[in-house]
Amino acid sequence: MLRLVVGQGLKLAGAGLALGIVVALALTRQLSSLLFGVSAYDPLTYAGVVLILAIVALLACYIPAQRATRVDPLVALRYE
């Protein structure tokens, strides 16, 4: 159950990251005047941002899923 919930969450996060990279690369020419000390196409910056967002997405999926696995299924069904 934990793998299912985390997997679905990471699929959505991966799709969002991929779309975000495409949009960021498309908008770099317009935003290049706002960047100081960093190239508009710096791969290290892109990789760092993707890594940080992926870790945050993993934790955002894993922590609630881990808590949900501790709940007794009968108690959860009676609650609804």
PDB file of N, CA and C in Angstrom:
ATOM      1  N   MET A   1       0.824  -1.188   0.000  1.00  0.00           N
ATOM      2  CA  MET A   1       0.000   0.000   0.000  1.00  0.00           C
ATOM      3  C   MET A   1       0.871   1.256   0.000  1.00  0.00           C
ATOM      4  N   LEU A   2       1.922   1.202   0.799  1.00  0.00           N
ATOM      5  CA  LEU A   2       2.834   2.337   0.875  1.00  0.00           C
ATOM      6  C   LEU A   2       3.479   2.597  -0.482  1.00  0.00           C
ATOM      7  N   ARG A   3       3.918   1.538  -1.143  1.00  0.00           N
ATOM      8  CA  ARG A   3       4.559   1.673  -2.458  1.00  0.00           C
ATOM      9  C   ARG A   3       3.580   2.241  -3.481  1.00  0.00           C
ATOM     10  N   LEU A   4       2.319   1.835  -3.415  1.00  0.00           N
ATOM     11  CA  LEU A   4       1.308   2.310  -4.347  1.00  0.00           C
ATOM     12  C   LEU A   4       1.084   3.812  -4.191  1.00  0.00           C
ATOM     13  N   VAL A   5       0.914   4.268  -2.965  1.00  0.00           N
ATOM     14  CA  VAL A   5       0.643   5.683  -2.718  1.00  0.00           C
ATOM     15  C   VAL A   5       1.850   6.536  -3.093  1.00  0.00           C
ATOM     16  N   VAL A   6       3.033   6.118  -2.675  1.00  0.00           N
ATOM     17  CA  VAL A   6       4.235   6.883  -2.984  1.00  0.00           C
ATOM     18  C   VAL A   6       4.509   6.862  -4.490  1.00  0.00           C
ATOM     19  N   GLY A   7       4.292   5.729  -5.129  1.00  0.00           N
ATOM     20  CA  GLY A   7       4.507   5.635  -6.569  1.00  0.00           C
ATOM     21  C   GLY A   7       3.604   6.554  -7.363  1.00  0.00           C
ATOM     22  N   GLN A   8       2.336   6.611  -6.986  1.00  0.00           N
ATOM     23  CA  GLN A   8       1.407   7.498  -7.687  1.00  0.00           C
ATOM     24  C   GLN A   8       1.767   8.961  -7.466  1.00  0.00           C
ATOM     25  N   GLY A   9       2.171   9.285  -6.260  1.00  0.00           N
ATOM     26  CA  GLY A   9       2.572  10.660  -5.975  1.00  0.00           C
ATOM     27  C   GLY A   9       3.822  11.062  -6.740  1.00  0.00           C
ATOM     28  N   LEU A  10       4.773  10.153  -6.837  1.00  0.00           N
ATOM     29  CA  LEU A  10       6.009  10.464  -7.552  1.00  0.00           C
ATOM     30  C   LEU A  10       5.795  10.525  -9.066  1.00  0.00           C
ATOM     31  N   LYS A  11       4.825   9.779  -9.575  1.00  0.00           N
ATOM     32  CA  LYS A  11       4.500   9.897 -11.000  1.00  0.00           C
ATOM     33  C   LYS A  11       3.999  11.305 -11.313  1.00  0.00           C
ATOM     34  N   LEU A  12       3.117  11.821 -10.470  1.00  0.00           N
ATOM     35  CA  LEU A  12       2.615  13.179 -10.661  1.00  0.00           C
ATOM     36  C   LEU A  12       3.733  14.204 -10.505  1.00  0.00           C
ATOM     37  N   ALA A  13       4.577  14.001  -9.501  1.00  0.00           N
ATOM     38  CA  ALA A  13       5.691  14.927  -9.297  1.00  0.00           C
ATOM     39  C   ALA A  13       6.663  14.893 -10.470  1.00  0.00           C
ATOM     40  N   GLY A  14       6.921  13.709 -11.013  1.00  0.00           N
ATOM     41  CA  GLY A  14       7.806  13.584 -12.168  1.00  0.00           C
ATOM     42  C   GLY A  14       7.246  14.284 -13.390  1.00  0.00           C
ATOM     43  N   ALA A  15       5.955  14.143 -13.597  1.00  0.00           N
ATOM     44  CA  ALA A  15       5.324  14.832 -14.728  1.00  0.00           C
ATOM     45  C   ALA A  15       5.403  16.346 -14.548  1.00  0.00           C
ATOM     46  N   GLY A  16       5.194  16.808 -13.323  1.00  0.00           N
ATOM     47  CA  GLY A  16       5.299  18.233 -13.050  1.00  0.00           C
ATOM     48  C   GLY A  16       6.715  18.752 -13.220  1.00  0.00           C
ATOM     49  N   LEU A  17       7.682  17.967 -12.790  1.00  0.00           N
ATOM     50  CA  LEU A  17       9.079  18.376 -12.964  1.00  0.00           C
ATOM     51  C   LEU A  17       9.454  18.428 -14.440  1.00  0.00           C
ATOM     52  N   ALA A  18       9.025  17.449 -15.203  1.00  0.00           N
ATOM     53  CA  ALA A  18       9.334  17.438 -16.635  1.00  0.00           C
ATOM     54  C   ALA A  18       8.701  18.645 -17.337  1.00  0.00           C
ATOM     55  N   LEU A  19       7.451  18.910 -17.029  1.00  0.00           N
ATOM     56  CA  LEU A  19       6.773  20.063 -17.622  1.00  0.00           C
ATOM     57  C   LEU A  19       7.434  21.362 -17.176  1.00  0.00           C
ATOM     58  N   GLY A  20       7.832  21.423 -15.917  1.00  0.00           N
ATOM     59  CA  GLY A  20       8.498  22.616 -15.397  1.00  0.00           C
ATOM     60  C   GLY A  20       9.834  22.876 -16.067  1.00  0.00           C
ATOM     61  N   ILE A  21      10.593  21.829 -16.341  1.00  0.00           N
ATOM     62  CA  ILE A  21      11.876  22.000 -17.023  1.00  0.00           C
ATOM     63  C   ILE A  21      11.658  22.518 -18.438  1.00  0.00           C
ATOM     64  N   VAL A  22      10.685  21.966 -19.134  1.00  0.00           N
ATOM     65  CA  VAL A  22      10.402  22.405 -20.500  1.00  0.00           C
ATOM     66  C   VAL A  22      10.000  23.884 -20.514  1.00  0.00           C
ATOM     67  N   VAL A  23       9.128  24.272 -19.599  1.00  0.00           N
ATOM     68  CA  VAL A  23       8.683  25.666 -19.534  1.00  0.00           C
ATOM     69  C   VAL A  23       9.842  26.577 -19.123  1.00  0.00           C
ATOM     70  N   ALA A  24      10.664  26.140 -18.173  1.00  0.00           N
ATOM     71  CA  ALA A  24      11.804  26.943 -17.740  1.00  0.00           C
ATOM     72  C   ALA A  24      12.795  27.154 -18.879  1.00  0.00           C
ATOM     73  N   LEU A  25      13.064  26.110 -19.640  1.00  0.00           N
ATOM     74  CA  LEU A  25      13.973  26.254 -20.772  1.00  0.00           C
ATOM     75  C   LEU A  25      13.392  27.164 -21.849  1.00  0.00           C
ATOM     76  N   ALA A  26      12.078  27.123 -22.012  1.00  0.00           N
ATOM     77  CA  ALA A  26      11.431  27.969 -23.007  1.00  0.00           C
ATOM     78  C   ALA A  26      11.444  29.438 -22.598  1.00  0.00           C
ATOM     79  N   LEU A  27      11.417  29.697 -21.305  1.00  0.00           N
ATOM     80  CA  LEU A  27      11.346  31.082 -20.818  1.00  0.00           C
ATOM     81  C   LEU A  27      12.694  31.674 -20.429  1.00  0.00           C
ATOM     82  N   THR A  28      13.780  30.969 -20.635  1.00  0.00           N
ATOM     83  CA  THR A  28      15.075  31.476 -20.173  1.00  0.00           C
ATOM     84  C   THR A  28      15.495  32.741 -20.902  1.00  0.00           C
ATOM     85  N   ARG A  29      15.146  32.885 -22.137  1.00  0.00           N
ATOM     86  CA  ARG A  29      15.533  34.107 -22.861  1.00  0.00           C
ATOM     87  C   ARG A  29      14.843  35.338 -22.273  1.00  0.00           C
ATOM     88  N   GLN A  30      13.585  35.185 -21.891  1.00  0.00           N
ATOM     89  CA  GLN A  30      12.865  36.316 -21.309  1.00  0.00           C
ATOM     90  C   GLN A  30      13.361  36.622 -19.893  1.00  0.00           C
ATOM     91  N   LEU A  31      13.784  35.600 -19.180  1.00  0.00           N
ATOM     92  CA  LEU A  31      14.195  35.786 -17.792  1.00  0.00           C
ATOM     93  C   LEU A  31      15.700  35.952 -17.607  1.00  0.00           C
ATOM     94  N   SER A  32      16.467  35.889 -18.673  1.00  0.00           N
ATOM     95  CA  SER A  32      17.928  35.938 -18.542  1.00  0.00           C
ATOM     96  C   SER A  32      18.403  37.260 -17.962  1.00  0.00           C
ATOM     97  N   SER A  33      17.653  38.329 -18.126  1.00  0.00           N
ATOM     98  CA  SER A  33      18.060  39.615 -17.554  1.00  0.00           C
ATOM     99  C   SER A  33      17.913  39.626 -16.035  1.00  0.00           C
ATOM    100  N   LEU A  34      17.140  38.708 -15.477  1.00  0.00           N
ATOM    101  CA  LEU A  34      16.945  38.639 -14.028  1.00  0.00           C
ATOM    102  C   LEU A  34      17.976  37.761 -13.324  1.00  0.00           C
ATOM    103  N   LEU A  35      18.769  37.014 -14.084  1.00  0.00           N
ATOM    104  CA  LEU A  35      19.746  36.096 -13.504  1.00  0.00           C
ATOM    105  C   LEU A  35      21.085  36.800 -13.323  1.00  0.00           C
ATOM    106  N   PHE A  36      21.642  36.702 -12.124  1.00  0.00           N
ATOM    107  CA  PHE A  36      22.922  37.329 -11.835  1.00  0.00           C
ATOM    108  C   PHE A  36      23.913  36.268 -11.404  1.00  0.00           C
ATOM    109  N   GLY A  37      25.014  36.140 -12.124  1.00  0.00           N
ATOM    110  CA  GLY A  37      26.057  35.195 -11.762  1.00  0.00           C
ATOM    111  C   GLY A  37      25.781  33.762 -12.161  1.00  0.00           C
ATOM    112  N   VAL A  38      24.702  33.529 -12.896  1.00  0.00           N
ATOM    113  CA  VAL A  38      24.346  32.174 -13.328  1.00  0.00           C
ATOM    114  C   VAL A  38      23.962  32.237 -14.797  1.00  0.00           C
ATOM    115  N   SER A  39      24.432  31.276 -15.554  1.00  0.00           N
ATOM    116  CA  SER A  39      24.049  31.187 -16.952  1.00  0.00           C
ATOM    117  C   SER A  39      22.580  30.772 -17.052  1.00  0.00           C
ATOM    118  N   ALA A  40      21.926  31.177 -18.113  1.00  0.00           N
ATOM    119  CA  ALA A  40      20.517  30.837 -18.296  1.00  0.00           C
ATOM    120  C   ALA A  40      20.321  29.344 -18.529  1.00  0.00           C
ATOM    121  N   TYR A  41      21.340  28.673 -19.030  1.00  0.00           N
ATOM    122  CA  TYR A  41      21.249  27.237 -19.325  1.00  0.00           C
ATOM    123  C   TYR A  41      22.204  26.431 -18.451  1.00  0.00           C
ATOM    124  N   ASP A  42      22.380  26.829 -17.202  1.00  0.00           N
ATOM    125  CA  ASP A  42      23.307  26.156 -16.293  1.00  0.00           C
ATOM    126  C   ASP A  42      22.742  24.796 -15.886  1.00  0.00           C
ATOM    127  N   PRO A  43      23.351  23.697 -16.335  1.00  0.00           N
ATOM    128  CA  PRO A  43      22.795  22.379 -16.022  1.00  0.00           C
ATOM    129  C   PRO A  43      22.892  22.021 -14.538  1.00  0.00           C
ATOM    130  N   LEU A  44      23.900  22.525 -13.846  1.00  0.00           N
ATOM    131  CA  LEU A  44      24.036  22.242 -12.416  1.00  0.00           C
ATOM    132  C   LEU A  44      22.880  22.858 -11.618  1.00  0.00           C
ATOM    133  N   THR A  45      22.469  24.047 -11.997  1.00  0.00           N
ATOM    134  CA  THR A  45      21.342  24.691 -11.326  1.00  0.00           C
ATOM    135  C   THR A  45      20.048  23.927 -11.576  1.00  0.00           C
ATOM    136  N   TYR A  46      19.831  23.541 -12.823  1.00  0.00           N
ATOM    137  CA  TYR A  46      18.628  22.768 -13.143  1.00  0.00           C
ATOM    138  C   TYR A  46      18.623  21.434 -12.387  1.00  0.00           C
ATOM    139  N   ALA A  47      19.760  20.765 -12.363  1.00  0.00           N
ATOM    140  CA  ALA A  47      19.836  19.476 -11.667  1.00  0.00           C
ATOM    141  C   ALA A  47      19.604  19.646 -10.170  1.00  0.00           C
ATOM    142  N   GLY A  48      20.156  20.693  -9.590  1.00  0.00           N
ATOM    143  CA  GLY A  48      19.964  20.939  -8.163  1.00  0.00           C
ATOM    144  C   GLY A  48      18.517  21.207  -7.810  1.00  0.00           C
ATOM    145  N   VAL A  49      17.861  22.008  -8.623  1.00  0.00           N
ATOM    146  CA  VAL A  49      16.445  22.323  -8.376  1.00  0.00           C
ATOM    147  C   VAL A  49      15.587  21.079  -8.529  1.00  0.00           C
ATOM    148  N   VAL A  50      15.846  20.291  -9.554  1.00  0.00           N
ATOM    149  CA  VAL A  50      15.079  19.060  -9.769  1.00  0.00           C
ATOM    150  C   VAL A  50      15.290  18.095  -8.605  1.00  0.00           C
ATOM    151  N   LEU A  51      16.529  17.979  -8.132  1.00  0.00           N
ATOM    152  CA  LEU A  51      16.825  17.085  -7.009  1.00  0.00           C
ATOM    153  C   LEU A  51      16.106  17.527  -5.737  1.00  0.00           C
ATOM    154  N   ILE A  52      16.156  18.805  -5.440  1.00  0.00           N
ATOM    155  CA  ILE A  52      15.490  19.314  -4.232  1.00  0.00           C
ATOM    156  C   ILE A  52      13.975  19.107  -4.321  1.00  0.00           C
ATOM    157  N   LEU A  53      13.386  19.424  -5.469  1.00  0.00           N
ATOM    158  CA  LEU A  53      11.941  19.251  -5.613  1.00  0.00           C
ATOM    159  C   LEU A  53      11.535  17.782  -5.575  1.00  0.00           C
ATOM    160  N   ALA A  54      12.360  16.906  -6.106  1.00  0.00           N
ATOM    161  CA  ALA A  54      12.056  15.475  -6.060  1.00  0.00           C
ATOM    162  C   ALA A  54      12.107  14.958  -4.629  1.00  0.00           C
ATOM    163  N   ILE A  55      13.075  15.418  -3.845  1.00  0.00           N
ATOM    164  CA  ILE A  55      13.165  14.997  -2.439  1.00  0.00           C
ATOM    165  C   ILE A  55      11.958  15.506  -1.656  1.00  0.00           C
ATOM    166  N   VAL A  56      11.573  16.749  -1.885  1.00  0.00           N
ATOM    167  CA  VAL A  56      10.406  17.304  -1.193  1.00  0.00           C
ATOM    168  C   VAL A  56       9.143  16.533  -1.584  1.00  0.00           C
ATOM    169  N   ALA A  57       9.000  16.200  -2.859  1.00  0.00           N
ATOM    170  CA  ALA A  57       7.832  15.433  -3.302  1.00  0.00           C
ATOM    171  C   ALA A  57       7.822  14.040  -2.687  1.00  0.00           C
ATOM    172  N   LEU A  58       8.987  13.415  -2.601  1.00  0.00           N
ATOM    173  CA  LEU A  58       9.082  12.094  -1.980  1.00  0.00           C
ATOM    174  C   LEU A  58       8.655  12.148  -0.515  1.00  0.00           C
ATOM    175  N   LEU A  59       9.141  13.129   0.214  1.00  0.00           N
ATOM    176  CA  LEU A  59       8.756  13.259   1.620  1.00  0.00           C
ATOM    177  C   LEU A  59       7.278  13.606   1.767  1.00  0.00           C
ATOM    178  N   ALA A  60       6.762  14.435   0.860  1.00  0.00           N
ATOM    179  CA  ALA A  60       5.355  14.813   0.924  1.00  0.00           C
ATOM    180  C   ALA A  60       4.440  13.619   0.645  1.00  0.00           C
ATOM    181  N   CYS A  61       4.918  12.655  -0.091  1.00  0.00           N
ATOM    182  CA  CYS A  61       4.137  11.442  -0.346  1.00  0.00           C
ATOM    183  C   CYS A  61       4.367  10.391   0.730  1.00  0.00           C
ATOM    184  N   TYR A  62       5.598  10.242   1.163  1.00  0.00           N
ATOM    185  CA  TYR A  62       5.965   9.149   2.061  1.00  0.00           C
ATOM    186  C   TYR A  62       5.420   9.349   3.480  1.00  0.00           C
ATOM    187  N   ILE A  63       5.534  10.541   4.024  1.00  0.00           N
ATOM    188  CA  ILE A  63       5.150  10.762   5.431  1.00  0.00           C
ATOM    189  C   ILE A  63       3.658  10.494   5.656  1.00  0.00           C
ATOM    190  N   PRO A  64       2.721  11.056   4.876  1.00  0.00           N
ATOM    191  CA  PRO A  64       1.305  10.728   5.099  1.00  0.00           C
ATOM    192  C   PRO A  64       0.980   9.261   4.814  1.00  0.00           C
ATOM    193  N   ALA A  65       1.642   8.674   3.817  1.00  0.00           N
ATOM    194  CA  ALA A  65       1.386   7.263   3.506  1.00  0.00           C
ATOM    195  C   ALA A  65       1.862   6.370   4.642  1.00  0.00           C
ATOM    196  N   GLN A  66       2.986   6.708   5.234  1.00  0.00           N
ATOM    197  CA  GLN A  66       3.500   5.929   6.367  1.00  0.00           C
ATOM    198  C   GLN A  66       2.543   6.023   7.557  1.00  0.00           C
ATOM    199  N   ARG A  67       2.017   7.203   7.796  1.00  0.00           N
ATOM    200  CA  ARG A  67       1.049   7.364   8.895  1.00  0.00           C
ATOM    201  C   ARG A  67      -0.234   6.589   8.614  1.00  0.00           C
ATOM    202  N   ALA A  68      -0.649   6.564   7.364  1.00  0.00           N
ATOM    203  CA  ALA A  68      -1.888   5.859   7.011  1.00  0.00           C
ATOM    204  C   ALA A  68      -1.736   4.354   7.161  1.00  0.00           C
ATOM    205  N   THR A  69      -0.539   3.818   7.004  1.00  0.00           N
ATOM    206  CA  THR A  69      -0.355   2.376   7.154  1.00  0.00           C
ATOM    207  C   THR A  69      -0.456   1.940   8.608  1.00  0.00           C
ATOM    208  N   ARG A  70      -0.322   2.861   9.523  1.00  0.00           N
ATOM    209  CA  ARG A  70      -0.422   2.526  10.952  1.00  0.00           C
ATOM    210  C   ARG A  70      -1.857   2.427  11.442  1.00  0.00           C
ATOM    211  N   VAL A  71      -2.812   2.951  10.669  1.00  0.00           N
ATOM    212  CA  VAL A  71      -4.212   2.958  11.084  1.00  0.00           C
ATOM    213  C   VAL A  71      -4.814   1.580  10.810  1.00  0.00           C
ATOM    214  N   ASP A  72      -5.571   1.078  11.778  1.00  0.00           N
ATOM    215  CA  ASP A  72      -6.279  -0.183  11.613  1.00  0.00           C
ATOM    216  C   ASP A  72      -7.359  -0.022  10.550  1.00  0.00           C
ATOM    217  N   PRO A  73      -7.426  -0.895   9.550  1.00  0.00           N
ATOM    218  CA  PRO A  73      -8.423  -0.747   8.478  1.00  0.00           C
ATOM    219  C   PRO A  73      -9.868  -0.740   8.989  1.00  0.00           C
ATOM    220  N   LEU A  74     -10.173  -1.519  10.015  1.00  0.00           N
ATOM    221  CA  LEU A  74     -11.539  -1.546  10.542  1.00  0.00           C
ATOM    222  C   LEU A  74     -11.906  -0.208  11.170  1.00  0.00           C
ATOM    223  N   VAL A  75     -10.969   0.414  11.842  1.00  0.00           N
ATOM    224  CA  VAL A  75     -11.230   1.725  12.433  1.00  0.00           C
ATOM    225  C   VAL A  75     -11.457   2.757  11.344  1.00  0.00           C
ATOM    226  N   ALA A  76     -10.674   2.707  10.291  1.00  0.00           N
ATOM    227  CA  ALA A  76     -10.834   3.647   9.187  1.00  0.00           C
ATOM    228  C   ALA A  76     -12.173   3.438   8.482  1.00  0.00           C
ATOM    229  N   LEU A  77     -12.619   2.217   8.295  1.00  0.00           N
ATOM    230  CA  LEU A  77     -13.899   1.954   7.649  1.00  0.00           C
ATOM    231  C   LEU A  77     -15.066   2.380   8.532  1.00  0.00           C
ATOM    232  N   ARG A  78     -14.966   2.201   9.831  1.00  0.00           N
ATOM    233  CA  ARG A  78     -16.036   2.612  10.736  1.00  0.00           C
ATOM    234  C   ARG A  78     -16.151   4.112  10.805  1.00  0.00           C
ATOM    235  N   TYR A  79     -15.041   4.817  10.641  1.00  0.00           N
ATOM    236  CA  TYR A  79     -15.056   6.267  10.728  1.00  0.00           C
ATOM    237  C   TYR A  79     -15.907   6.875   9.625  1.00  0.00           C
ATOM    238  N   GLU A  80     -15.872   6.279   8.439  1.00  0.00           N
ATOM    239  CA  GLU A  80     -16.645   6.808   7.329  1.00  0.00           C
ATOM    240  C   GLU A  80     -18.046   6.273   7.411  1.00  0.00           C
TER     241      GLU A  80
END
